[in-house]
PDB file of N, CA and C in Angstrom:
ATOM      1  N   MET A   1     -60.535   9.693 -41.353  1.00  0.00           N
ATOM      2  CA  MET A   1     -59.661   9.427 -42.015  1.00  0.00           C
ATOM      3  C   MET A   1     -58.318   8.708 -41.394  1.00  0.00           C
ATOM      4  N   TYR A   2     -57.756   9.397 -40.586  1.00  0.00           N
ATOM      5  CA  TYR A   2     -56.897   8.930 -39.824  1.00  0.00           C
ATOM      6  C   TYR A   2     -57.154   8.671 -38.384  1.00  0.00           C
ATOM      7  N   SER A   3     -57.018   7.570 -37.997  1.00  0.00           N
ATOM      8  CA  SER A   3     -57.252   7.220 -37.016  1.00  0.00           C
ATOM      9  C   SER A   3     -55.976   7.169 -35.649  1.00  0.00           C
ATOM     10  N   ARG A   4     -56.354   7.849 -34.763  1.00  0.00           N
ATOM     11  CA  ARG A   4     -55.015   7.718 -33.829  1.00  0.00           C
ATOM     12  C   ARG A   4     -55.065   6.426 -33.058  1.00  0.00           C
ATOM     13  N   ARG A   5     -53.691   5.838 -33.545  1.00  0.00           N
ATOM     14  CA  ARG A   5     -53.629   4.544 -32.631  1.00  0.00           C
ATOM     15  C   ARG A   5     -53.120   4.970 -31.357  1.00  0.00           C
ATOM     16  N   GLN A   6     -53.536   4.312 -30.404  1.00  0.00           N
ATOM     17  CA  GLN A   6     -53.316   4.359 -28.910  1.00  0.00           C
ATOM     18  C   GLN A   6     -52.126   3.414 -28.335  1.00  0.00           C
ATOM     19  N   LYS A   7     -50.920   3.906 -27.923  1.00  0.00           N
ATOM     20  CA  LYS A   7     -49.756   3.347 -27.477  1.00  0.00           C
ATOM     21  C   LYS A   7     -50.230   2.142 -26.384  1.00  0.00           C
ATOM     22  N   ARG A   8     -49.652   1.061 -26.582  1.00  0.00           N
ATOM     23  CA  ARG A   8     -49.963   0.104 -25.477  1.00  0.00           C
ATOM     24  C   ARG A   8     -48.857   0.099 -24.425  1.00  0.00           C
ATOM     25  N   PHE A   9     -49.224   0.091 -23.231  1.00  0.00           N
ATOM     26  CA  PHE A   9     -48.235  -0.021 -22.259  1.00  0.00           C
ATOM     27  C   PHE A   9     -47.751  -1.473 -22.200  1.00  0.00           C
ATOM     28  N   THR A  10     -46.286  -1.757 -22.200  1.00  0.00           N
ATOM     29  CA  THR A  10     -45.933  -2.940 -21.792  1.00  0.00           C
ATOM     30  C   THR A  10     -45.064  -3.274 -20.751  1.00  0.00           C
ATOM     31  N   LEU A  11     -44.940  -4.334 -19.992  1.00  0.00           N
ATOM     32  CA  LEU A  11     -44.301  -4.363 -18.717  1.00  0.00           C
ATOM     33  C   LEU A  11     -42.914  -5.011 -19.206  1.00  0.00           C
ATOM     34  N   MET A  12     -42.358  -4.981 -20.247  1.00  0.00           N
ATOM     35  CA  MET A  12     -40.953  -5.255 -20.686  1.00  0.00           C
ATOM     36  C   MET A  12     -39.901  -4.537 -20.008  1.00  0.00           C
ATOM     37  N   PRO A  13     -40.019  -3.273 -20.260  1.00  0.00           N
ATOM     38  CA  PRO A  13     -38.960  -2.251 -19.568  1.00  0.00           C
ATOM     39  C   PRO A  13     -38.890  -2.457 -18.120  1.00  0.00           C
ATOM     40  N   ALA A  14     -40.138  -2.471 -17.534  1.00  0.00           N
ATOM     41  CA  ALA A  14     -40.255  -2.449 -15.943  1.00  0.00           C
ATOM     42  C   ALA A  14     -39.718  -3.989 -15.378  1.00  0.00           C
ATOM     43  N   ILE A  15     -39.874  -4.825 -16.218  1.00  0.00           N
ATOM     44  CA  ILE A  15     -39.446  -6.089 -15.967  1.00  0.00           C
ATOM     45  C   ILE A  15     -37.848  -6.247 -15.920  1.00  0.00           C
ATOM     46  N   ALA A  16     -37.263  -5.695 -16.755  1.00  0.00           N
ATOM     47  CA  ALA A  16     -35.815  -5.711 -17.313  1.00  0.00           C
ATOM     48  C   ALA A  16     -35.191  -4.853 -16.012  1.00  0.00           C
ATOM     49  N   LEU A  17     -36.018  -3.667 -15.788  1.00  0.00           N
ATOM     50  CA  LEU A  17     -35.121  -2.900 -14.659  1.00  0.00           C
ATOM     51  C   LEU A  17     -35.261  -3.585 -13.459  1.00  0.00           C
ATOM     52  N   ALA A  18     -36.478  -4.257 -13.246  1.00  0.00           N
ATOM     53  CA  ALA A  18     -36.402  -5.017 -11.830  1.00  0.00           C
ATOM     54  C   ALA A  18     -35.231  -6.005 -11.774  1.00  0.00           C
ATOM     55  N   ALA A  19     -35.396  -6.770 -13.056  1.00  0.00           N
ATOM     56  CA  ALA A  19     -34.315  -7.789 -12.954  1.00  0.00           C
ATOM     57  C   ALA A  19     -32.756  -7.192 -12.927  1.00  0.00           C
ATOM     58  N   LEU A  20     -32.543  -6.343 -13.429  1.00  0.00           N
ATOM     59  CA  LEU A  20     -31.005  -5.551 -13.319  1.00  0.00           C
ATOM     60  C   LEU A  20     -30.868  -5.033 -11.894  1.00  0.00           C
ATOM     61  N   GLY A  21     -31.961  -4.395 -11.103  1.00  0.00           N
ATOM     62  CA  GLY A  21     -31.695  -4.098  -9.741  1.00  0.00           C
ATOM     63  C   GLY A  21     -31.392  -5.188  -8.892  1.00  0.00           C
ATOM     64  N   ALA A  22     -32.070  -6.317  -9.405  1.00  0.00           N
ATOM     65  CA  ALA A  22     -32.072  -7.536  -8.608  1.00  0.00           C
ATOM     66  C   ALA A  22     -30.412  -8.200  -8.445  1.00  0.00           C
ATOM     67  N   LEU A  23     -30.086  -8.042  -9.962  1.00  0.00           N
ATOM     68  CA  LEU A  23     -28.797  -8.330 -10.091  1.00  0.00           C
ATOM     69  C   LEU A  23     -27.695  -7.645  -9.332  1.00  0.00           C
ATOM     70  N   VAL A  24     -27.798  -6.312  -9.151  1.00  0.00           N
ATOM     71  CA  VAL A  24     -27.005  -5.487  -8.400  1.00  0.00           C
ATOM     72  C   VAL A  24     -27.158  -5.618  -6.771  1.00  0.00           C
ATOM     73  N   ALA A  25     -28.103  -5.782  -6.449  1.00  0.00           N
ATOM     74  CA  ALA A  25     -28.861  -5.703  -5.234  1.00  0.00           C
ATOM     75  C   ALA A  25     -28.512  -6.976  -4.301  1.00  0.00           C
ATOM     76  N   VAL A  26     -28.662  -8.050  -5.095  1.00  0.00           N
ATOM     77  CA  VAL A  26     -28.730  -9.441  -3.972  1.00  0.00           C
ATOM     78  C   VAL A  26     -27.345  -9.756  -3.853  1.00  0.00           C
ATOM     79  N   PRO A  27     -26.030  -9.610  -4.555  1.00  0.00           N
ATOM     80  CA  PRO A  27     -24.862  -9.826  -4.005  1.00  0.00           C
ATOM     81  C   PRO A  27     -24.298  -8.837  -2.925  1.00  0.00           C
ATOM     82  N   ALA A  28     -24.790  -7.634  -2.966  1.00  0.00           N
ATOM     83  CA  ALA A  28     -24.453  -6.574  -2.362  1.00  0.00           C
ATOM     84  C   ALA A  28     -24.877  -6.685  -0.948  1.00  0.00           C
ATOM     85  N   LEU A  29     -26.280  -7.479  -0.756  1.00  0.00           N
ATOM     86  CA  LEU A  29     -26.735  -7.505   0.367  1.00  0.00           C
ATOM     87  C   LEU A  29     -26.601  -8.948   0.941  1.00  0.00           C
ATOM     88  N   SER A  30     -26.000  -9.754   0.314  1.00  0.00           N
ATOM     89  CA  SER A  30     -25.568 -11.151   0.785  1.00  0.00           C
ATOM     90  C   SER A  30     -24.662 -11.139   1.901  1.00  0.00           C
ATOM     91  N   SER A  31     -24.926 -11.893   3.043  1.00  0.00           N
ATOM     92  CA  SER A  31     -24.130 -12.009   4.234  1.00  0.00           C
ATOM     93  C   SER A  31     -22.732 -13.121   4.127  1.00  0.00           C
ATOM     94  N   SER A  32     -22.886 -13.879   2.835  1.00  0.00           N
ATOM     95  CA  SER A  32     -21.941 -14.717   2.794  1.00  0.00           C
ATOM     96  C   SER A  32     -20.618 -13.779   2.631  1.00  0.00           C
ATOM     97  N   ARG A  33     -19.522 -14.793   2.641  1.00  0.00           N
ATOM     98  CA  ARG A  33     -18.371 -14.221   2.406  1.00  0.00           C
ATOM     99  C   ARG A  33     -17.463 -15.171   1.519  1.00  0.00           C
ATOM    100  N   LEU A  34     -16.611 -14.760   0.598  1.00  0.00           N
ATOM    101  CA  LEU A  34     -15.611 -15.900   0.069  1.00  0.00           C
ATOM    102  C   LEU A  34     -14.226 -15.623   0.648  1.00  0.00           C
ATOM    103  N   TYR A  35     -13.664 -16.603   0.737  1.00  0.00           N
ATOM    104  CA  TYR A  35     -12.163 -16.483   1.290  1.00  0.00           C
ATOM    105  C   TYR A  35     -11.310 -17.174   0.437  1.00  0.00           C
ATOM    106  N   ALA A  36     -10.325 -16.991   0.065  1.00  0.00           N
ATOM    107  CA  ALA A  36      -9.417 -17.700  -0.653  1.00  0.00           C
ATOM    108  C   ALA A  36      -8.633 -19.018   0.399  1.00  0.00           C
ATOM    109  N   ALA A  37      -8.217 -19.923  -0.275  1.00  0.00           N
ATOM    110  CA  ALA A  37      -7.560 -20.952   0.376  1.00  0.00           C
ATOM    111  C   ALA A  37      -6.516 -20.330   0.910  1.00  0.00           C
ATOM    112  N   GLY A  38      -6.047 -21.323   2.038  1.00  0.00           N
ATOM    113  CA  GLY A  38      -4.681 -20.974   2.686  1.00  0.00           C
ATOM    114  C   GLY A  38      -3.550 -21.426   1.970  1.00  0.00           C
ATOM    115  N   PRO A  39      -2.434 -21.113   2.154  1.00  0.00           N
ATOM    116  CA  PRO A  39      -1.175 -21.171   1.409  1.00  0.00           C
ATOM    117  C   PRO A  39      -0.942 -22.769   1.748  1.00  0.00           C
ATOM    118  N   GLU A  40      -0.488 -23.412   0.772  1.00  0.00           N
ATOM    119  CA  GLU A  40      -0.016 -24.953   0.804  1.00  0.00           C
ATOM    120  C   GLU A  40       1.324 -24.675   1.187  1.00  0.00           C
ATOM    121  N   HIS A  41       1.789 -25.768   1.883  1.00  0.00           N
ATOM    122  CA  HIS A  41       3.220 -26.211   2.304  1.00  0.00           C
ATOM    123  C   HIS A  41       3.563 -27.404   1.509  1.00  0.00           C
ATOM    124  N   PHE A  42       4.753 -27.238   0.964  1.00  0.00           N
ATOM    125  CA  PHE A  42       5.228 -28.428   0.258  1.00  0.00           C
ATOM    126  C   PHE A  42       6.592 -28.719   0.875  1.00  0.00           C
ATOM    127  N   ALA A  43       7.209 -30.015   0.785  1.00  0.00           N
ATOM    128  CA  ALA A  43       8.701 -30.592   0.875  1.00  0.00           C
ATOM    129  C   ALA A  43       8.882 -30.954  -0.209  1.00  0.00           C
ATOM    130  N   THR A  44      10.053 -30.311  -0.742  1.00  0.00           N
ATOM    131  CA  THR A  44      10.735 -30.930  -2.108  1.00  0.00           C
ATOM    132  C   THR A  44      11.624 -32.048  -1.824  1.00  0.00           C
ATOM    133  N   VAL A  45      11.254 -33.166  -2.628  1.00  0.00           N
ATOM    134  CA  VAL A  45      12.120 -34.496  -2.374  1.00  0.00           C
ATOM    135  C   VAL A  45      12.632 -34.769  -3.774  1.00  0.00           C
ATOM    136  N   THR A  46      14.103 -35.125  -3.842  1.00  0.00           N
ATOM    137  CA  THR A  46      14.634 -35.789  -4.687  1.00  0.00           C
ATOM    138  C   THR A  46      14.406 -37.270  -4.894  1.00  0.00           C
ATOM    139  N   VAL A  47      14.222 -37.845  -6.134  1.00  0.00           N
ATOM    140  CA  VAL A  47      13.850 -39.186  -6.214  1.00  0.00           C
ATOM    141  C   VAL A  47      15.272 -39.795  -6.204  1.00  0.00           C
ATOM    142  N   HIS A  48      15.320 -40.958  -5.321  1.00  0.00           N
ATOM    143  CA  HIS A  48      16.655 -41.955  -5.583  1.00  0.00           C
ATOM    144  C   HIS A  48      16.113 -43.252  -6.348  1.00  0.00           C
ATOM    145  N   GLN A  49      17.467 -44.027  -6.532  1.00  0.00           N
ATOM    146  CA  GLN A  49      17.211 -45.143  -7.027  1.00  0.00           C
ATOM    147  C   GLN A  49      16.406 -46.077  -6.493  1.00  0.00           C
ATOM    148  N   GLY A  50      15.291 -46.878  -7.261  1.00  0.00           N
ATOM    149  CA  GLY A  50      14.591 -47.565  -6.536  1.00  0.00           C
ATOM    150  C   GLY A  50      13.196 -47.111  -5.724  1.00  0.00           C
ATOM    151  N   ASP A  51      13.038 -45.681  -5.755  1.00  0.00           N
ATOM    152  CA  ASP A  51      11.807 -45.025  -5.439  1.00  0.00           C
ATOM    153  C   ASP A  51      10.706 -45.104  -6.235  1.00  0.00           C
ATOM    154  N   THR A  52       9.613 -44.938  -5.814  1.00  0.00           N
ATOM    155  CA  THR A  52       8.328 -45.093  -6.443  1.00  0.00           C
ATOM    156  C   THR A  52       7.474 -44.141  -5.928  1.00  0.00           C
ATOM    157  N   LEU A  53       6.499 -43.645  -6.645  1.00  0.00           N
ATOM    158  CA  LEU A  53       5.457 -42.378  -6.224  1.00  0.00           C
ATOM    159  C   LEU A  53       4.873 -42.974  -4.798  1.00  0.00           C
ATOM    160  N   TRP A  54       4.599 -44.365  -4.892  1.00  0.00           N
ATOM    161  CA  TRP A  54       3.685 -45.074  -3.808  1.00  0.00           C
ATOM    162  C   TRP A  54       4.594 -44.867  -2.677  1.00  0.00           C
ATOM    163  N   THR A  55       6.169 -45.231  -2.741  1.00  0.00           N
ATOM    164  CA  THR A  55       6.828 -45.135  -1.761  1.00  0.00           C
ATOM    165  C   THR A  55       7.282 -43.707  -0.999  1.00  0.00           C
ATOM    166  N   LEU A  56       7.149 -43.153  -1.817  1.00  0.00           N
ATOM    167  CA  LEU A  56       7.606 -41.590  -1.637  1.00  0.00           C
ATOM    168  C   LEU A  56       6.105 -41.168  -0.667  1.00  0.00           C
ATOM    169  N   ALA A  57       4.884 -41.327  -1.190  1.00  0.00           N
ATOM    170  CA  ALA A  57       3.736 -41.347  -0.614  1.00  0.00           C
ATOM    171  C   ALA A  57       3.625 -41.840   0.738  1.00  0.00           C
ATOM    172  N   GLU A  58       4.068 -42.958   0.756  1.00  0.00           N
ATOM    173  CA  GLU A  58       3.706 -43.966   2.233  1.00  0.00           C
ATOM    174  C   GLU A  58       4.598 -43.134   3.199  1.00  0.00           C
ATOM    175  N   ARG A  59       6.027 -42.599   3.034  1.00  0.00           N
ATOM    176  CA  ARG A  59       6.703 -42.018   3.906  1.00  0.00           C
ATOM    177  C   ARG A  59       6.134 -40.510   4.425  1.00  0.00           C
ATOM    178  N   ARG A  60       5.328 -39.948   3.330  1.00  0.00           N
ATOM    179  CA  ARG A  60       5.008 -38.611   3.731  1.00  0.00           C
ATOM    180  C   ARG A  60       3.512 -38.649   4.330  1.00  0.00           C
ATOM    181  N   THR A  61       2.890 -39.817   4.123  1.00  0.00           N
ATOM    182  CA  THR A  61       1.259 -39.933   4.691  1.00  0.00           C
ATOM    183  C   THR A  61       1.251 -40.192   6.302  1.00  0.00           C
ATOM    184  N   PRO A  62       0.270 -39.163   6.787  1.00  0.00           N
ATOM    185  CA  PRO A  62       0.283 -39.368   8.146  1.00  0.00           C
ATOM    186  C   PRO A  62      -0.597 -40.845   8.646  1.00  0.00           C
ATOM    187  N   SER A  63      -0.263 -41.155   9.740  1.00  0.00           N
ATOM    188  CA  SER A  63      -0.667 -42.567  10.214  1.00  0.00           C
ATOM    189  C   SER A  63      -2.331 -42.571  10.070  1.00  0.00           C
ATOM    190  N   GLY A  64      -2.846 -43.607   9.480  1.00  0.00           N
ATOM    191  CA  GLY A  64      -4.471 -43.172   9.575  1.00  0.00           C
ATOM    192  C   GLY A  64      -5.089 -42.658   8.083  1.00  0.00           C
ATOM    193  N   ALA A  65      -4.093 -41.933   7.386  1.00  0.00           N
ATOM    194  CA  ALA A  65      -4.577 -41.177   6.221  1.00  0.00           C
ATOM    195  C   ALA A  65      -4.646 -42.262   5.090  1.00  0.00           C
ATOM    196  N   ASN A  66      -5.218 -41.842   3.940  1.00  0.00           N
ATOM    197  CA  ASN A  66      -5.264 -42.664   2.779  1.00  0.00           C
ATOM    198  C   ASN A  66      -3.789 -42.413   1.790  1.00  0.00           C
ATOM    199  N   VAL A  67      -2.661 -43.244   1.613  1.00  0.00           N
ATOM    200  CA  VAL A  67      -1.869 -43.070   0.856  1.00  0.00           C
ATOM    201  C   VAL A  67      -2.270 -42.870  -0.618  1.00  0.00           C
ATOM    202  N   GLN A  68      -3.360 -43.274  -1.147  1.00  0.00           N
ATOM    203  CA  GLN A  68      -3.680 -42.929  -2.526  1.00  0.00           C
ATOM    204  C   GLN A  68      -4.027 -41.516  -2.660  1.00  0.00           C
ATOM    205  N   ASP A  69      -4.593 -40.753  -1.557  1.00  0.00           N
ATOM    206  CA  ASP A  69      -4.987 -39.170  -1.501  1.00  0.00           C
ATOM    207  C   ASP A  69      -3.625 -38.741  -1.713  1.00  0.00           C
ATOM    208  N   THR A  70      -2.641 -39.041  -1.176  1.00  0.00           N
ATOM    209  CA  THR A  70      -1.253 -38.365  -1.066  1.00  0.00           C
ATOM    210  C   THR A  70      -0.380 -38.596  -2.689  1.00  0.00           C
ATOM    211  N   VAL A  71      -0.790 -39.695  -3.142  1.00  0.00           N
ATOM    212  CA  VAL A  71      -0.420 -40.060  -4.629  1.00  0.00           C
ATOM    213  C   VAL A  71      -1.046 -39.071  -5.538  1.00  0.00           C
ATOM    214  N   ASP A  72      -2.290 -38.925  -5.557  1.00  0.00           N
ATOM    215  CA  ASP A  72      -2.893 -37.977  -6.270  1.00  0.00           C
ATOM    216  C   ASP A  72      -2.524 -36.520  -5.993  1.00  0.00           C
ATOM    217  N   SER A  73      -2.363 -35.946  -4.897  1.00  0.00           N
ATOM    218  CA  SER A  73      -1.953 -34.737  -4.824  1.00  0.00           C
ATOM    219  C   SER A  73      -0.772 -34.676  -5.286  1.00  0.00           C
ATOM    220  N   ILE A  74       0.346 -35.512  -5.179  1.00  0.00           N
ATOM    221  CA  ILE A  74       1.787 -35.382  -5.590  1.00  0.00           C
ATOM    222  C   ILE A  74       1.598 -35.182  -7.128  1.00  0.00           C
ATOM    223  N   LEU A  75       0.575 -36.224  -7.923  1.00  0.00           N
ATOM    224  CA  LEU A  75       0.476 -36.077  -9.225  1.00  0.00           C
ATOM    225  C   LEU A  75      -0.002 -34.623  -9.622  1.00  0.00           C
ATOM    226  N   ALA A  76      -0.981 -34.487  -9.083  1.00  0.00           N
ATOM    227  CA  ALA A  76      -1.678 -32.846  -9.487  1.00  0.00           C
ATOM    228  C   ALA A  76      -0.613 -31.584  -9.204  1.00  0.00           C
ATOM    229  N   VAL A  77       0.173 -31.629  -8.068  1.00  0.00           N
ATOM    230  CA  VAL A  77       0.778 -30.609  -7.758  1.00  0.00           C
ATOM    231  C   VAL A  77       2.085 -30.448  -8.819  1.00  0.00           C
ATOM    232  N   ASN A  78       2.602 -31.639  -9.186  1.00  0.00           N
ATOM    233  CA  ASN A  78       3.652 -31.724  -9.873  1.00  0.00           C
ATOM    234  C   ASN A  78       3.526 -31.784 -11.582  1.00  0.00           C
ATOM    235  N   HIS A  79       2.034 -31.996 -11.971  1.00  0.00           N
ATOM    236  CA  HIS A  79       1.491 -31.914 -13.082  1.00  0.00           C
ATOM    237  C   HIS A  79       2.130 -33.318 -13.853  1.00  0.00           C
ATOM    238  N   LEU A  80       2.174 -33.971 -12.903  1.00  0.00           N
ATOM    239  CA  LEU A  80       2.512 -35.505 -13.619  1.00  0.00           C
ATOM    240  C   LEU A  80       1.660 -36.102 -14.490  1.00  0.00           C
ATOM    241  N   GLU A  81       1.750 -36.867 -15.594  1.00  0.00           N
ATOM    242  CA  GLU A  81       0.889 -37.545 -16.142  1.00  0.00           C
ATOM    243  C   GLU A  81       0.702 -38.923 -16.099  1.00  0.00           C
ATOM    244  N   SER A  82       1.721 -39.436 -15.263  1.00  0.00           N
ATOM    245  CA  SER A  82       1.897 -40.885 -14.927  1.00  0.00           C
ATOM    246  C   SER A  82       2.555 -40.909 -13.681  1.00  0.00           C
ATOM    247  N   ALA A  83       2.467 -42.075 -13.170  1.00  0.00           N
ATOM    248  CA  ALA A  83       3.205 -42.044 -11.811  1.00  0.00           C
ATOM    249  C   ALA A  83       4.774 -42.966 -12.013  1.00  0.00           C
ATOM    250  N   ALA A  84       5.177 -42.543 -13.237  1.00  0.00           N
ATOM    251  CA  ALA A  84       6.464 -43.132 -13.235  1.00  0.00           C
ATOM    252  C   ALA A  84       7.553 -41.980 -12.919  1.00  0.00           C
ATOM    253  N   VAL A  85       8.478 -42.067 -12.092  1.00  0.00           N
ATOM    254  CA  VAL A  85       9.334 -41.266 -11.478  1.00  0.00           C
ATOM    255  C   VAL A  85      10.908 -41.653 -11.882  1.00  0.00           C
ATOM    256  N   VAL A  86      11.880 -40.858 -12.043  1.00  0.00           N
ATOM    257  CA  VAL A  86      13.139 -41.188 -12.546  1.00  0.00           C
ATOM    258  C   VAL A  86      14.180 -40.587 -11.395  1.00  0.00           C
ATOM    259  N   PRO A  87      15.228 -41.258 -11.054  1.00  0.00           N
ATOM    260  CA  PRO A  87      16.138 -40.948 -10.008  1.00  0.00           C
ATOM    261  C   PRO A  87      16.620 -39.776 -10.443  1.00  0.00           C
ATOM    262  N   GLY A  88      16.869 -38.470  -9.509  1.00  0.00           N
ATOM    263  CA  GLY A  88      17.293 -37.267  -9.708  1.00  0.00           C
ATOM    264  C   GLY A  88      16.090 -36.281 -10.014  1.00  0.00           C
ATOM    265  N   GLN A  89      15.108 -36.639  -9.992  1.00  0.00           N
ATOM    266  CA  GLN A  89      13.842 -35.853 -10.309  1.00  0.00           C
ATOM    267  C   GLN A  89      13.375 -35.196  -9.076  1.00  0.00           C
ATOM    268  N   HIS A  90      12.926 -33.913  -9.128  1.00  0.00           N
ATOM    269  CA  HIS A  90      12.726 -33.046  -7.837  1.00  0.00           C
ATOM    270  C   HIS A  90      11.245 -33.146  -7.886  1.00  0.00           C
ATOM    271  N   LEU A  91      10.601 -33.507  -6.948  1.00  0.00           N
ATOM    272  CA  LEU A  91       8.988 -33.670  -6.673  1.00  0.00           C
ATOM    273  C   LEU A  91       8.508 -32.698  -5.419  1.00  0.00           C
ATOM    274  N   LYS A  92       7.446 -31.826  -5.734  1.00  0.00           N
ATOM    275  CA  LYS A  92       7.029 -31.221  -4.295  1.00  0.00           C
ATOM    276  C   LYS A  92       5.866 -32.317  -3.913  1.00  0.00           C
ATOM    277  N   ILE A  93       6.165 -32.382  -2.581  1.00  0.00           N
ATOM    278  CA  ILE A  93       5.080 -33.266  -1.739  1.00  0.00           C
ATOM    279  C   ILE A  93       4.428 -32.582  -0.849  1.00  0.00           C
ATOM    280  N   PRO A  94       2.995 -32.667  -0.815  1.00  0.00           N
ATOM    281  CA  PRO A  94       2.290 -31.732   0.207  1.00  0.00           C
ATOM    282  C   PRO A  94       2.611 -32.272   1.533  1.00  0.00           C
ATOM    283  N   ARG A  95       2.608 -31.500   2.520  1.00  0.00           N
ATOM    284  CA  ARG A  95       3.001 -31.762   3.979  1.00  0.00           C
ATOM    285  C   ARG A  95       1.772 -31.991   4.848  1.00  0.00           C
TER     286      ARG A  95
END
């Protein structure tokens, strides 16, 4: 009358356990290292009458380097939305 149902063995628990083990073991066994970026050095410059962001960047850009990269760095470091500067403004310029 009552038939005994046999339980079926599934692989899902074994697969889940193997995946969890891999998530823990792979980073621990990895030989790669992550290092934080080195400290950045800045010069603080006060903007004078007639200064533009481009002229400030030109004065601080090493010869052979791209002035536009320096302008982009100044914009990013100082959280500026435009290249407009005003006399008396203090800007950090990457060295």
